[in-house]
């Protein structure tokens, strides 16, 4: 029982990391779906490509800075 606070702290860190991973995954799926919709349905393939690549890079940089 002496290391219960350490276990709780480790659990909080794991939960925070998992929460960031799920948030990143959901946002990346939204960016990809939006860029696919622009490219396929909207007929703006160049804009869809730029949104997909730029949005993915922005998400990677954003979540790297937040870590």
Protein backbone atom coordinates (compact mmCIF):
# COMPACT_ATOMS: atom_id res chain seq x y z
CA UNK A 1 0.00 0.00 0.00
CA UNK A 2 2.98 2.31 0.39
CA UNK A 3 3.30 2.90 -3.37
CA UNK A 4 -0.38 3.58 -4.04
CA UNK A 5 0.26 7.28 -4.89
CA UNK A 6 2.92 6.18 -7.39
CA UNK A 7 0.45 3.80 -9.00
CA UNK A 8 -2.15 6.55 -9.20
CA UNK A 9 0.34 8.97 -10.76
CA UNK A 10 1.38 6.35 -13.32
CA UNK A 11 -2.27 5.70 -14.11
CA UNK A 12 -2.91 9.40 -14.66
CA UNK A 13 0.08 9.68 -17.01
CA UNK A 14 -1.05 6.65 -18.98
CA UNK A 15 -4.60 8.01 -19.21
CA UNK A 16 -3.35 11.40 -20.43
CA UNK A 17 -1.16 9.78 -23.09
CA UNK A 18 -4.00 7.56 -24.27
CA UNK A 19 -6.35 10.55 -24.36
CA UNK A 20 -3.89 12.46 -26.60
CA UNK A 21 -3.55 9.43 -28.89
CA UNK A 22 -7.33 9.06 -29.29
CA UNK A 23 -7.78 12.79 -29.88
CA UNK A 24 -5.02 12.82 -32.50
CA UNK A 25 -6.50 9.78 -34.25
CA UNK A 26 -9.98 11.28 -34.41
CA UNK A 27 -8.73 14.63 -35.69
CA UNK A 28 -6.54 12.94 -38.31
CA UNK A 29 -9.49 10.87 -39.55
CA UNK A 30 -11.58 14.05 -39.84
CA UNK A 31 -8.81 15.80 -41.81
CA UNK A 32 -8.43 12.84 -44.16
CA UNK A 33 -12.17 12.52 -44.72
CA UNK A 34 -12.49 16.24 -45.41
CA UNK A 35 -9.63 16.17 -47.90
CA UNK A 36 -11.06 13.08 -49.61
CA UNK A 37 -14.46 14.78 -49.84
CA UNK A 38 -12.91 17.83 -51.44
CA UNK A 39 -10.94 15.73 -53.89
CA UNK A 40 -13.60 13.24 -54.89
CA UNK A 41 -16.96 14.93 -54.44
CA UNK A 42 -16.02 18.59 -54.64
CA UNK A 43 -13.76 18.24 -57.65
CA UNK A 44 -11.01 20.27 -55.97
CA UNK A 45 -8.28 17.67 -56.00
CA UNK A 46 -5.34 20.06 -55.51
CA UNK A 47 -7.03 21.76 -52.56
CA UNK A 48 -7.90 18.37 -51.08
CA UNK A 49 -4.30 17.23 -51.43
CA UNK A 50 -2.98 20.40 -49.81
CA UNK A 51 -5.49 20.10 -46.98
CA UNK A 52 -4.60 16.47 -46.40
CA UNK A 53 -0.85 16.96 -46.38
CA UNK A 54 -0.91 20.31 -44.59
CA UNK A 55 -3.46 19.19 -42.04
CA UNK A 56 -1.51 16.03 -41.26
CA UNK A 57 1.70 17.99 -40.80
CA UNK A 58 -0.08 20.58 -38.66
CA UNK A 59 -1.55 17.86 -36.44
CA UNK A 60 1.82 16.17 -36.04
CA UNK A 61 3.53 19.42 -35.12
CA UNK A 62 0.68 20.48 -32.84
CA UNK A 63 0.64 17.26 -30.86
CA UNK A 64 4.45 17.14 -30.72
CA UNK A 65 4.52 20.62 -29.19
CA UNK A 66 1.75 19.80 -26.71
CA UNK A 67 3.62 16.75 -25.41
